[in-house]
Amino acid sequence: QVQLVESGGGLVQPGGSLRLSCAASGFPVSSYAMYWYRQAPGKERELVASINWGGDTTNYADSVKGRFTISRDNAKNTVYLQMNSLKPEDTAVYYCRRQGAYWGQGIQVTVSS
C-alpha cells in the first residue's frame, strides 16, 4: 500500500538549514506529483512546495521562495525539502503528500534560538 514517511526534522537556530526526506513506498515517486505542506499551531495547513511527475517543474509558496528547494531521487524513491535561511515563522509540522489523498504522518520543525 502507499506509505509516506518523513524524517529530518528537529530544532534549528534561525539562519540554519535542515533537509527533510519523504521516503515513499507502494508507488514510484517518478510517476506522481509530490508536495510538501506545513501547519503551524493555530493556522491552516499550507502548501509549501510541489514537484510535478516529470520532475522538471517546481513551485513554491512566496514565503519560502529562494530559501527552500524541493527535489527527488527516483532511485531512492524519496522526495526532499532542503530548507535554508530558516526563520522562526517556518516553525510547523511538515507533511509530505502524494498526488491524490495520501499523506505522511508529519514531522516537527522548530526554528528557535
PDB file of N, CA and C in Angstrom:
ATOM      1  N   GLN A   1       0.847  -1.187   0.000  1.00  0.00           N
ATOM      2  CA  GLN A   1       0.000   0.000   0.000  1.00  0.00           C
ATOM      3  C   GLN A   1       0.883   1.238   0.000  1.00  0.00           C
ATOM      4  N   VAL A   2       0.267   2.388  -0.295  1.00  0.00           N
ATOM      5  CA  VAL A   2       1.001   3.645  -0.341  1.00  0.00           C
ATOM      6  C   VAL A   2       1.413   4.047   1.071  1.00  0.00           C
ATOM      7  N   GLN A   3       2.683   4.386   1.217  1.00  0.00           N
ATOM      8  CA  GLN A   3       3.184   4.844   2.502  1.00  0.00           C
ATOM      9  C   GLN A   3       4.175   5.965   2.278  1.00  0.00           C
ATOM     10  N   LEU A   4       4.085   6.990   3.130  1.00  0.00           N
ATOM     11  CA  LEU A   4       4.998   8.131   3.074  1.00  0.00           C
ATOM     12  C   LEU A   4       5.537   8.352   4.482  1.00  0.00           C
ATOM     13  N   VAL A   5       6.858   8.383   4.632  1.00  0.00           N
ATOM     14  CA  VAL A   5       7.470   8.537   5.939  1.00  0.00           C
ATOM     15  C   VAL A   5       8.459   9.690   5.902  1.00  0.00           C
ATOM     16  N   GLU A   6       8.145  10.739   6.684  1.00  0.00           N
ATOM     17  CA  GLU A   6       9.023  11.909   6.742  1.00  0.00           C
ATOM     18  C   GLU A   6      10.106  11.719   7.803  1.00  0.00           C
ATOM     19  N   SER A   7      11.244  12.351   7.561  1.00  0.00           N
ATOM     20  CA  SER A   7      12.331  12.359   8.532  1.00  0.00           C
ATOM     21  C   SER A   7      13.168  13.622   8.312  1.00  0.00           C
ATOM     22  N   GLY A   8      14.041  13.906   9.275  1.00  0.00           N
ATOM     23  CA  GLY A   8      14.971  15.015   9.128  1.00  0.00           C
ATOM     24  C   GLY A   8      14.583  16.283   9.854  1.00  0.00           C
ATOM     25  N   GLY A   9      13.465  16.280  10.548  1.00  0.00           N
ATOM     26  CA  GLY A   9      13.053  17.465  11.285  1.00  0.00           C
ATOM     27  C   GLY A   9      13.845  17.636  12.558  1.00  0.00           C
ATOM     28  N   GLY A  10      13.500  18.676  13.302  1.00  0.00           N
ATOM     29  CA  GLY A  10      14.167  18.910  14.580  1.00  0.00           C
ATOM     30  C   GLY A  10      14.209  20.371  14.927  1.00  0.00           C
ATOM     31  N   LEU A  11      15.113  20.705  15.847  1.00  0.00           N
ATOM     32  CA  LEU A  11      15.293  22.075  16.324  1.00  0.00           C
ATOM     33  C   LEU A  11      16.524  22.682  15.651  1.00  0.00           C
ATOM     34  N   VAL A  12      16.364  23.884  15.120  1.00  0.00           N
ATOM     35  CA  VAL A  12      17.470  24.560  14.450  1.00  0.00           C
ATOM     36  C   VAL A  12      17.410  26.046  14.790  1.00  0.00           C
ATOM     37  N   GLN A  13      18.555  26.695  14.825  1.00  0.00           N
ATOM     38  CA  GLN A  13      18.599  28.127  15.113  1.00  0.00           C
ATOM     39  C   GLN A  13      18.212  28.934  13.872  1.00  0.00           C
ATOM     40  N   PRO A  14      17.704  30.136  14.074  1.00  0.00           N
ATOM     41  CA  PRO A  14      17.408  30.999  12.921  1.00  0.00           C
ATOM     42  C   PRO A  14      18.640  31.155  12.034  1.00  0.00           C
ATOM     43  N   GLY A  15      18.409  31.098  10.725  1.00  0.00           N
ATOM     44  CA  GLY A  15      19.501  31.157   9.767  1.00  0.00           C
ATOM     45  C   GLY A  15      20.086  29.812   9.410  1.00  0.00           C
ATOM     46  N   GLY A  16      19.691  28.787  10.133  1.00  0.00           N
ATOM     47  CA  GLY A  16      20.211  27.452   9.895  1.00  0.00           C
ATOM     48  C   GLY A  16      19.492  26.730   8.766  1.00  0.00           C
ATOM     49  N   SER A  17      19.888  25.464   8.570  1.00  0.00           N
ATOM     50  CA  SER A  17      19.343  24.651   7.486  1.00  0.00           C
ATOM     51  C   SER A  17      18.910  23.282   8.004  1.00  0.00           C
ATOM     52  N   LEU A  18      17.938  22.717   7.318  1.00  0.00           N
ATOM     53  CA  LEU A  18      17.513  21.343   7.540  1.00  0.00           C
ATOM     54  C   LEU A  18      17.132  20.749   6.193  1.00  0.00           C
ATOM     55  N   ARG A  19      17.282  19.432   6.073  1.00  0.00           N
ATOM     56  CA  ARG A  19      16.772  18.757   4.895  1.00  0.00           C
ATOM     57  C   ARG A  19      15.765  17.689   5.342  1.00  0.00           C
ATOM     58  N   LEU A  20      14.535  17.863   4.900  1.00  0.00           N
ATOM     59  CA  LEU A  20      13.507  16.870   5.163  1.00  0.00           C
ATOM     60  C   LEU A  20      13.504  15.820   4.054  1.00  0.00           C
ATOM     61  N   SER A  21      13.249  14.590   4.449  1.00  0.00           N
ATOM     62  CA  SER A  21      13.126  13.492   3.495  1.00  0.00           C
ATOM     63  C   SER A  21      11.738  12.884   3.604  1.00  0.00           C
ATOM     64  N   CYS A  22      11.224  12.428   2.486  1.00  0.00           N
ATOM     65  CA  CYS A  22       9.939  11.724   2.442  1.00  0.00           C
ATOM     66  C   CYS A  22      10.187  10.424   1.680  1.00  0.00           C
ATOM     67  N   ALA A  23      10.322   9.346   2.433  1.00  0.00           N
ATOM     68  CA  ALA A  23      10.558   8.037   1.823  1.00  0.00           C
ATOM     69  C   ALA A  23       9.217   7.435   1.434  1.00  0.00           C
ATOM     70  N   ALA A  24       9.081   7.132   0.153  1.00  0.00           N
ATOM     71  CA  ALA A  24       7.814   6.601  -0.359  1.00  0.00           C
ATOM     72  C   ALA A  24       7.926   5.106  -0.608  1.00  0.00           C
ATOM     73  N   SER A  25       6.813   4.419  -0.433  1.00  0.00           N
ATOM     74  CA  SER A  25       6.729   3.006  -0.781  1.00  0.00           C
ATOM     75  C   SER A  25       5.340   2.721  -1.329  1.00  0.00           C
ATOM     76  N   GLY A  26       5.263   1.700  -2.152  1.00  0.00           N
ATOM     77  CA  GLY A  26       3.981   1.315  -2.732  1.00  0.00           C
ATOM     78  C   GLY A  26       3.685   1.961  -4.072  1.00  0.00           C
ATOM     79  N   PHE A  27       4.555   2.860  -4.507  1.00  0.00           N
ATOM     80  CA  PHE A  27       4.390   3.529  -5.792  1.00  0.00           C
ATOM     81  C   PHE A  27       5.713   4.212  -6.138  1.00  0.00           C
ATOM     82  N   PRO A  28       5.957   4.510  -7.421  1.00  0.00           N
ATOM     83  CA  PRO A  28       7.165   5.244  -7.803  1.00  0.00           C
ATOM     84  C   PRO A  28       6.930   6.753  -7.775  1.00  0.00           C
ATOM     85  N   VAL A  29       7.791   7.480  -7.054  1.00  0.00           N
ATOM     86  CA  VAL A  29       7.616   8.937  -6.973  1.00  0.00           C
ATOM     87  C   VAL A  29       7.768   9.583  -8.344  1.00  0.00           C
ATOM     88  N   SER A  30       8.415   8.897  -9.276  1.00  0.00           N
ATOM     89  CA  SER A  30       8.619   9.452 -10.618  1.00  0.00           C
ATOM     90  C   SER A  30       7.332   9.511 -11.430  1.00  0.00           C
ATOM     91  N   SER A  31       6.273   8.895 -10.934  1.00  0.00           N
ATOM     92  CA  SER A  31       5.017   8.839 -11.691  1.00  0.00           C
ATOM     93  C   SER A  31       3.930   9.756 -11.144  1.00  0.00           C
ATOM     94  N   TYR A  32       4.249  10.498 -10.083  1.00  0.00           N
ATOM     95  CA  TYR A  32       3.226  11.323  -9.435  1.00  0.00           C
ATOM     96  C   TYR A  32       3.792  12.687  -9.049  1.00  0.00           C
ATOM     97  N   ALA A  33       2.906  13.688  -9.051  1.00  0.00           N
ATOM     98  CA  ALA A  33       3.272  14.953  -8.441  1.00  0.00           C
ATOM     99  C   ALA A  33       3.380  14.734  -6.934  1.00  0.00           C
ATOM    100  N   MET A  34       4.360  15.419  -6.333  1.00  0.00           N
ATOM    101  CA  MET A  34       4.584  15.298  -4.900  1.00  0.00           C
ATOM    102  C   MET A  34       4.609  16.690  -4.277  1.00  0.00           C
ATOM    103  N   TYR A  35       4.214  16.756  -3.023  1.00  0.00           N
ATOM    104  CA  TYR A  35       4.026  18.051  -2.356  1.00  0.00           C
ATOM    105  C   TYR A  35       4.580  18.016  -0.933  1.00  0.00           C
ATOM    106  N   TRP A  36       5.002  19.196  -0.481  1.00  0.00           N
ATOM    107  CA  TRP A  36       5.298  19.438   0.935  1.00  0.00           C
ATOM    108  C   TRP A  36       4.335  20.510   1.430  1.00  0.00           C
ATOM    109  N   TYR A  37       3.699  20.213   2.554  1.00  0.00           N
ATOM    110  CA  TYR A  37       2.823  21.159   3.235  1.00  0.00           C
ATOM    111  C   TYR A  37       3.381  21.412   4.628  1.00  0.00           C
ATOM    112  N   ARG A  38       2.842  22.450   5.278  1.00  0.00           N
ATOM    113  CA  ARG A  38       3.168  22.659   6.685  1.00  0.00           C
ATOM    114  C   ARG A  38       1.954  23.244   7.403  1.00  0.00           C
ATOM    115  N   GLN A  39       1.935  22.992   8.704  1.00  0.00           N
ATOM    116  CA  GLN A  39       0.864  23.526   9.534  1.00  0.00           C
ATOM    117  C   GLN A  39       1.447  24.016  10.846  1.00  0.00           C
ATOM    118  N   ALA A  40       1.329  25.324  11.063  1.00  0.00           N
ATOM    119  CA  ALA A  40       1.791  25.932  12.308  1.00  0.00           C
ATOM    120  C   ALA A  40       0.646  25.916  13.313  1.00  0.00           C
ATOM    121  N   PRO A  41       0.958  26.001  14.594  1.00  0.00           N
ATOM    122  CA  PRO A  41      -0.096  25.992  15.622  1.00  0.00           C
ATOM    123  C   PRO A  41      -1.116  27.098  15.393  1.00  0.00           C
ATOM    124  N   GLY A  42      -2.388  26.735  15.391  1.00  0.00           N
ATOM    125  CA  GLY A  42      -3.446  27.714  15.236  1.00  0.00           C
ATOM    126  C   GLY A  42      -3.668  28.197  13.830  1.00  0.00           C
ATOM    127  N   LYS A  43      -2.945  27.609  12.865  1.00  0.00           N
ATOM    128  CA  LYS A  43      -3.077  28.039  11.474  1.00  0.00           C
ATOM    129  C   LYS A  43      -3.508  26.871  10.594  1.00  0.00           C
ATOM    130  N   GLU A  44      -3.994  27.206   9.416  1.00  0.00           N
ATOM    131  CA  GLU A  44      -4.389  26.179   8.471  1.00  0.00           C
ATOM    132  C   GLU A  44      -3.156  25.575   7.797  1.00  0.00           C
ATOM    133  N   ARG A  45      -3.315  24.351   7.327  1.00  0.00           N
ATOM    134  CA  ARG A  45      -2.240  23.710   6.587  1.00  0.00           C
ATOM    135  C   ARG A  45      -2.048  24.450   5.270  1.00  0.00           C
ATOM    136  N   GLU A  46      -0.774  24.699   4.922  1.00  0.00           N
ATOM    137  CA  GLU A  46      -0.494  25.447   3.693  1.00  0.00           C
ATOM    138  C   GLU A  46       0.481  24.680   2.817  1.00  0.00           C
ATOM    139  N   LEU A  47       0.326  24.854   1.508  1.00  0.00           N
ATOM    140  CA  LEU A  47       1.233  24.241   0.543  1.00  0.00           C
ATOM    141  C   LEU A  47       2.541  25.022   0.521  1.00  0.00           C
ATOM    142  N   VAL A  48       3.643  24.310   0.673  1.00  0.00           N
ATOM    143  CA  VAL A  48       4.959  24.937   0.694  1.00  0.00           C
ATOM    144  C   VAL A  48       5.665  24.789  -0.640  1.00  0.00           C
ATOM    145  N   ALA A  49       5.649  23.570  -1.200  1.00  0.00           N
ATOM    146  CA  ALA A  49       6.384  23.308  -2.431  1.00  0.00           C
ATOM    147  C   ALA A  49       5.789  22.104  -3.141  1.00  0.00           C
ATOM    148  N   SER A  50       5.965  22.073  -4.459  1.00  0.00           N
ATOM    149  CA  SER A  50       5.489  20.945  -5.243  1.00  0.00           C
ATOM    150  C   SER A  50       6.475  20.637  -6.353  1.00  0.00           C
ATOM    151  N   ILE A  51       6.444  19.392  -6.808  1.00  0.00           N
ATOM    152  CA  ILE A  51       7.256  18.969  -7.951  1.00  0.00           C
ATOM    153  C   ILE A  51       6.375  18.082  -8.818  1.00  0.00           C
ATOM    154  N   ASN A  52       6.394  18.328 -10.127  1.00  0.00           N
ATOM    155  CA  ASN A  52       5.496  17.565 -10.991  1.00  0.00           C
ATOM    156  C   ASN A  52       6.048  16.165 -11.230  1.00  0.00           C
ATOM    157  N   TRP A  53       5.246  15.318 -11.886  1.00  0.00           N
ATOM    158  CA  TRP A  53       5.661  13.930 -12.062  1.00  0.00           C
ATOM    159  C   TRP A  53       6.907  13.835 -12.920  1.00  0.00           C
ATOM    160  N   GLY A  54       7.069  14.758 -13.856  1.00  0.00           N
ATOM    161  CA  GLY A  54       8.248  14.730 -14.708  1.00  0.00           C
ATOM    162  C   GLY A  54       9.507  15.205 -13.998  1.00  0.00           C
ATOM    163  N   GLY A  55       9.305  15.863 -12.867  1.00  0.00           N
ATOM    164  CA  GLY A  55      10.444  16.356 -12.114  1.00  0.00           C
ATOM    165  C   GLY A  55      11.073  17.621 -12.668  1.00  0.00           C
ATOM    166  N   ASP A  56      10.450  18.223 -13.677  1.00  0.00           N
ATOM    167  CA  ASP A  56      11.049  19.390 -14.309  1.00  0.00           C
ATOM    168  C   ASP A  56      10.337  20.689 -13.958  1.00  0.00           C
ATOM    169  N   THR A  57       9.301  20.603 -13.153  1.00  0.00           N
ATOM    170  CA  THR A  57       8.572  21.805 -12.756  1.00  0.00           C
ATOM    171  C   THR A  57       8.384  21.800 -11.248  1.00  0.00           C
ATOM    172  N   THR A  58       8.820  22.877 -10.617  1.00  0.00           N
ATOM    173  CA  THR A  58       8.645  23.032  -9.171  1.00  0.00           C
ATOM    174  C   THR A  58       7.948  24.360  -8.901  1.00  0.00           C
ATOM    175  N   ASN A  59       7.216  24.405  -7.818  1.00  0.00           N
ATOM    176  CA  ASN A  59       6.540  25.629  -7.412  1.00  0.00           C
ATOM    177  C   ASN A  59       6.686  25.792  -5.905  1.00  0.00           C
ATOM    178  N   TYR A  60       6.689  27.050  -5.475  1.00  0.00           N
ATOM    179  CA  TYR A  60       6.913  27.348  -4.066  1.00  0.00           C
ATOM    180  C   TYR A  60       5.960  28.438  -3.583  1.00  0.00           C
ATOM    181  N   ALA A  61       5.630  28.359  -2.306  1.00  0.00           N
ATOM    182  CA  ALA A  61       4.912  29.456  -1.672  1.00  0.00           C
ATOM    183  C   ALA A  61       5.822  30.685  -1.661  1.00  0.00           C
ATOM    184  N   ASP A  62       5.224  31.850  -1.772  1.00  0.00           N
ATOM    185  CA  ASP A  62       6.020  33.084  -1.787  1.00  0.00           C
ATOM    186  C   ASP A  62       6.898  33.200  -0.541  1.00  0.00           C
ATOM    187  N   SER A  63       6.403  32.695   0.580  1.00  0.00           N
ATOM    188  CA  SER A  63       7.109  32.843   1.850  1.00  0.00           C
ATOM    189  C   SER A  63       8.413  32.035   1.903  1.00  0.00           C
ATOM    190  N   VAL A  64       8.584  31.065   0.997  1.00  0.00           N
ATOM    191  CA  VAL A  64       9.788  30.222   1.055  1.00  0.00           C
ATOM    192  C   VAL A  64      10.627  30.311  -0.216  1.00  0.00           C
ATOM    193  N   LYS A  65      10.172  31.044  -1.216  1.00  0.00           N
ATOM    194  CA  LYS A  65      10.922  31.155  -2.473  1.00  0.00           C
ATOM    195  C   LYS A  65      12.327  31.672  -2.229  1.00  0.00           C
ATOM    196  N   GLY A  66      13.276  31.005  -2.860  1.00  0.00           N
ATOM    197  CA  GLY A  66      14.666  31.405  -2.709  1.00  0.00           C
ATOM    198  C   GLY A  66      15.348  30.803  -1.500  1.00  0.00           C
ATOM    199  N   ARG A  67      14.580  30.175  -0.614  1.00  0.00           N
ATOM    200  CA  ARG A  67      15.160  29.563   0.594  1.00  0.00           C
ATOM    201  C   ARG A  67      14.976  28.046   0.618  1.00  0.00           C
ATOM    202  N   PHE A  68      13.873  27.560   0.081  1.00  0.00           N
ATOM    203  CA  PHE A  68      13.556  26.127   0.099  1.00  0.00           C
ATOM    204  C   PHE A  68      13.688  25.561  -1.315  1.00  0.00           C
ATOM    205  N   THR A  69      14.089  24.294  -1.379  1.00  0.00           N
ATOM    206  CA  THR A  69      14.185  23.600  -2.660  1.00  0.00           C
ATOM    207  C   THR A  69      13.600  22.197  -2.527  1.00  0.00           C
ATOM    208  N   ILE A  70      12.658  21.874  -3.405  1.00  0.00           N
ATOM    209  CA  ILE A  70      12.093  20.522  -3.440  1.00  0.00           C
ATOM    210  C   ILE A  70      12.816  19.744  -4.536  1.00  0.00           C
ATOM    211  N   SER A  71      13.098  18.482  -4.254  1.00  0.00           N
ATOM    212  CA  SER A  71      13.762  17.634  -5.241  1.00  0.00           C
ATOM    213  C   SER A  71      13.382  16.188  -4.974  1.00  0.00           C
ATOM    214  N   ARG A  72      13.814  15.304  -5.863  1.00  0.00           N
ATOM    215  CA  ARG A  72      13.543  13.896  -5.614  1.00  0.00           C
ATOM    216  C   ARG A  72      14.665  13.038  -6.165  1.00  0.00           C
ATOM    217  N   ASP A  73      14.785  11.852  -5.591  1.00  0.00           N
ATOM    218  CA  ASP A  73      15.748  10.854  -6.035  1.00  0.00           C
ATOM    219  C   ASP A  73      14.935   9.621  -6.418  1.00  0.00           C
ATOM    220  N   ASN A  74      14.805   9.390  -7.723  1.00  0.00           N
ATOM    221  CA  ASN A  74      13.961   8.276  -8.170  1.00  0.00           C
ATOM    222  C   ASN A  74      14.538   6.930  -7.735  1.00  0.00           C
ATOM    223  N   ALA A  75      15.860   6.825  -7.710  1.00  0.00           N
ATOM    224  CA  ALA A  75      16.477   5.558  -7.324  1.00  0.00           C
ATOM    225  C   ALA A  75      16.177   5.211  -5.863  1.00  0.00           C
ATOM    226  N   LYS A  76      16.108   6.237  -5.013  1.00  0.00           N
ATOM    227  CA  LYS A  76      15.808   6.021  -3.598  1.00  0.00           C
ATOM    228  C   LYS A  76      14.316   6.151  -3.311  1.00  0.00           C
ATOM    229  N   ASN A  77      13.548   6.515  -4.338  1.00  0.00           N
ATOM    230  CA  ASN A  77      12.102   6.711  -4.201  1.00  0.00           C
ATOM    231  C   ASN A  77      11.785   7.663  -3.046  1.00  0.00           C
ATOM    232  N   THR A  78      12.511   8.769  -3.035  1.00  0.00           N
ATOM    233  CA  THR A  78      12.439   9.722  -1.931  1.00  0.00           C
ATOM    234  C   THR A  78      12.335  11.142  -2.467  1.00  0.00           C
ATOM    235  N   VAL A  79      11.544  11.943  -1.779  1.00  0.00           N
ATOM    236  CA  VAL A  79      11.407  13.357  -2.093  1.00  0.00           C
ATOM    237  C   VAL A  79      12.021  14.152  -0.943  1.00  0.00           C
ATOM    238  N   TYR A  80      12.681  15.249  -1.277  1.00  0.00           N
ATOM    239  CA  TYR A  80      13.381  16.057  -0.279  1.00  0.00           C
ATOM    240  C   TYR A  80      12.853  17.482  -0.252  1.00  0.00           C
ATOM    241  N   LEU A  81      13.046  18.122   0.885  1.00  0.00           N
ATOM    242  CA  LEU A  81      12.816  19.557   1.005  1.00  0.00           C
ATOM    243  C   LEU A  81      14.027  20.138   1.717  1.00  0.00           C
ATOM    244  N   GLN A  82      14.882  20.803   0.954  1.00  0.00           N
ATOM    245  CA  GLN A  82      16.042  21.487   1.517  1.00  0.00           C
ATOM    246  C   GLN A  82      15.593  22.852   1.986  1.00  0.00           C
ATOM    247  N   MET A  83      15.801  23.133   3.256  1.00  0.00           N
ATOM    248  CA  MET A  83      15.346  24.395   3.840  1.00  0.00           C
ATOM    249  C   MET A  83      16.552  25.164   4.361  1.00  0.00           C
ATOM    250  N   ASN A  84      16.812  26.315   3.766  1.00  0.00           N
ATOM    251  CA  ASN A  84      17.924  27.172   4.160  1.00  0.00           C
ATOM    252  C   ASN A  84      17.413  28.489   4.721  1.00  0.00           C
ATOM    253  N   SER A  85      18.296  29.205   5.397  1.00  0.00           N
ATOM    254  CA  SER A  85      17.955  30.517   5.964  1.00  0.00           C
ATOM    255  C   SER A  85      16.643  30.459   6.735  1.00  0.00           C
ATOM    256  N   LEU A  86      16.534  29.477   7.594  1.00  0.00           N
ATOM    257  CA  LEU A  86      15.284  29.252   8.317  1.00  0.00           C
ATOM    258  C   LEU A  86      14.968  30.394   9.262  1.00  0.00           C
ATOM    259  N   LYS A  87      13.665  30.661   9.385  1.00  0.00           N
ATOM    260  CA  LYS A  87      13.158  31.731  10.226  1.00  0.00           C
ATOM    261  C   LYS A  87      12.230  31.141  11.287  1.00  0.00           C
ATOM    262  N   PRO A  88      12.037  31.834  12.387  1.00  0.00           N
ATOM    263  CA  PRO A  88      11.097  31.330  13.410  1.00  0.00           C
ATOM    264  C   PRO A  88       9.707  31.057  12.842  1.00  0.00           C
ATOM    265  N   GLU A  89       9.291  31.833  11.852  1.00  0.00           N
ATOM    266  CA  GLU A  89       7.967  31.632  11.268  1.00  0.00           C
ATOM    267  C   GLU A  89       7.880  30.383  10.394  1.00  0.00           C
ATOM    268  N   ASP A  90       8.993  29.703  10.175  1.00  0.00           N
ATOM    269  CA  ASP A  90       8.971  28.416   9.475  1.00  0.00           C
ATOM    270  C   ASP A  90       8.630  27.267  10.413  1.00  0.00           C
ATOM    271  N   THR A  91       8.545  27.555  11.704  1.00  0.00           N
ATOM    272  CA  THR A  91       8.201  26.531  12.680  1.00  0.00           C
ATOM    273  C   THR A  91       6.822  25.965  12.389  1.00  0.00           C
ATOM    274  N   ALA A  92       6.747  24.636  12.240  1.00  0.00           N
ATOM    275  CA  ALA A  92       5.483  23.986  11.881  1.00  0.00           C
ATOM    276  C   ALA A  92       5.706  22.482  11.843  1.00  0.00           C
ATOM    277  N   VAL A  93       4.606  21.757  11.714  1.00  0.00           N
ATOM    278  CA  VAL A  93       4.677  20.341  11.350  1.00  0.00           C
ATOM    279  C   VAL A  93       4.646  20.286   9.832  1.00  0.00           C
ATOM    280  N   TYR A  94       5.618  19.587   9.256  1.00  0.00           N
ATOM    281  CA  TYR A  94       5.729  19.483   7.806  1.00  0.00           C
ATOM    282  C   TYR A  94       5.235  18.111   7.354  1.00  0.00           C
ATOM    283  N   TYR A  95       4.449  18.130   6.280  1.00  0.00           N
ATOM    284  CA  TYR A  95       3.839  16.912   5.764  1.00  0.00           C
ATOM    285  C   TYR A  95       4.216  16.699   4.302  1.00  0.00           C
ATOM    286  N   CYS A  96       4.427  15.470   3.948  1.00  0.00           N
ATOM    287  CA  CYS A  96       4.628  15.061   2.566  1.00  0.00           C
ATOM    288  C   CYS A  96       3.291  14.529   2.044  1.00  0.00           C
ATOM    289  N   ARG A  97       2.992  14.827   0.810  1.00  0.00           N
ATOM    290  CA  ARG A  97       1.760  14.346   0.206  1.00  0.00           C
ATOM    291  C   ARG A  97       2.013  13.885  -1.212  1.00  0.00           C
ATOM    292  N   ARG A  98       1.365  12.783  -1.579  1.00  0.00           N
ATOM    293  CA  ARG A  98       1.379  12.347  -2.965  1.00  0.00           C
ATOM    294  C   ARG A  98       0.136  12.848  -3.677  1.00  0.00           C
ATOM    295  N   GLN A  99       0.241  13.123  -4.928  1.00  0.00           N
ATOM    296  CA  GLN A  99      -0.922  13.467  -5.752  1.00  0.00           C
ATOM    297  C   GLN A  99      -2.054  12.513  -5.393  1.00  0.00           C
ATOM    298  N   GLY A 100      -3.210  13.078  -5.054  1.00  0.00           N
ATOM    299  CA  GLY A 100      -4.305  12.293  -4.504  1.00  0.00           C
ATOM    300  C   GLY A 100      -4.442  12.605  -3.036  1.00  0.00           C
ATOM    301  N   ALA A 101      -4.853  11.654  -2.246  1.00  0.00           N
ATOM    302  CA  ALA A 101      -5.140  11.919  -0.829  1.00  0.00           C
ATOM    303  C   ALA A 101      -4.223  11.139   0.098  1.00  0.00           C
ATOM    304  N   TYR A 102      -2.975  11.000  -0.286  1.00  0.00           N
ATOM    305  CA  TYR A 102      -2.023  10.238   0.512  1.00  0.00           C
ATOM    306  C   TYR A 102      -1.066  11.179   1.228  1.00  0.00           C
ATOM    307  N   TRP A 103      -1.025  11.062   2.569  1.00  0.00           N
ATOM    308  CA  TRP A 103      -0.231  11.952   3.413  1.00  0.00           C
ATOM    309  C   TRP A 103       0.708  11.153   4.305  1.00  0.00           C
ATOM    310  N   GLY A 104       1.836  11.767   4.612  1.00  0.00           N
ATOM    311  CA  GLY A 104       2.705  11.233   5.646  1.00  0.00           C
ATOM    312  C   GLY A 104       2.172  11.632   7.010  1.00  0.00           C
ATOM    313  N   GLN A 105       2.874  11.162   8.056  1.00  0.00           N
ATOM    314  CA  GLN A 105       2.410  11.416   9.416  1.00  0.00           C
ATOM    315  C   GLN A 105       2.815  12.791   9.921  1.00  0.00           C
ATOM    316  N   GLY A 106       3.727  13.434   9.224  1.00  0.00           N
ATOM    317  CA  GLY A 106       4.183  14.756   9.617  1.00  0.00           C
ATOM    318  C   GLY A 106       5.412  14.707  10.493  1.00  0.00           C
ATOM    319  N   ILE A 107       6.195  15.788  10.431  1.00  0.00           N
ATOM    320  CA  ILE A 107       7.400  15.888  11.252  1.00  0.00           C
ATOM    321  C   ILE A 107       7.580  17.326  11.713  1.00  0.00           C
ATOM    322  N   GLN A 108       7.995  17.480  12.962  1.00  0.00           N
ATOM    323  CA  GLN A 108       8.111  18.798  13.559  1.00  0.00           C
ATOM    324  C   GLN A 108       9.414  19.473  13.142  1.00  0.00           C
ATOM    325  N   VAL A 109       9.296  20.730  12.752  1.00  0.00           N
ATOM    326  CA  VAL A 109      10.455  21.603  12.523  1.00  0.00           C
ATOM    327  C   VAL A 109      10.279  22.817  13.425  1.00  0.00           C
ATOM    328  N   THR A 110      11.260  23.062  14.276  1.00  0.00           N
ATOM    329  CA  THR A 110      11.221  24.196  15.191  1.00  0.00           C
ATOM    330  C   THR A 110      12.441  25.071  14.962  1.00  0.00           C
ATOM    331  N   VAL A 111      12.200  26.348  14.666  1.00  0.00           N
ATOM    332  CA  VAL A 111      13.285  27.301  14.437  1.00  0.00           C
ATOM    333  C   VAL A 111      13.282  28.279  15.602  1.00  0.00           C
ATOM    334  N   SER A 112      14.299  28.186  16.428  1.00  0.00           N
ATOM    335  CA  SER A 112      14.339  28.993  17.639  1.00  0.00           C
ATOM    336  C   SER A 112      15.761  29.100  18.151  1.00  0.00           C
ATOM    337  N   SER A 113      16.056  30.234  18.774  1.00  0.00           N
ATOM    338  CA  SER A 113      17.368  30.399  19.395  1.00  0.00           C
ATOM    339  C   SER A 113      17.311  30.008  20.870  1.00  0.00           C
TER     340      SER A 113
END
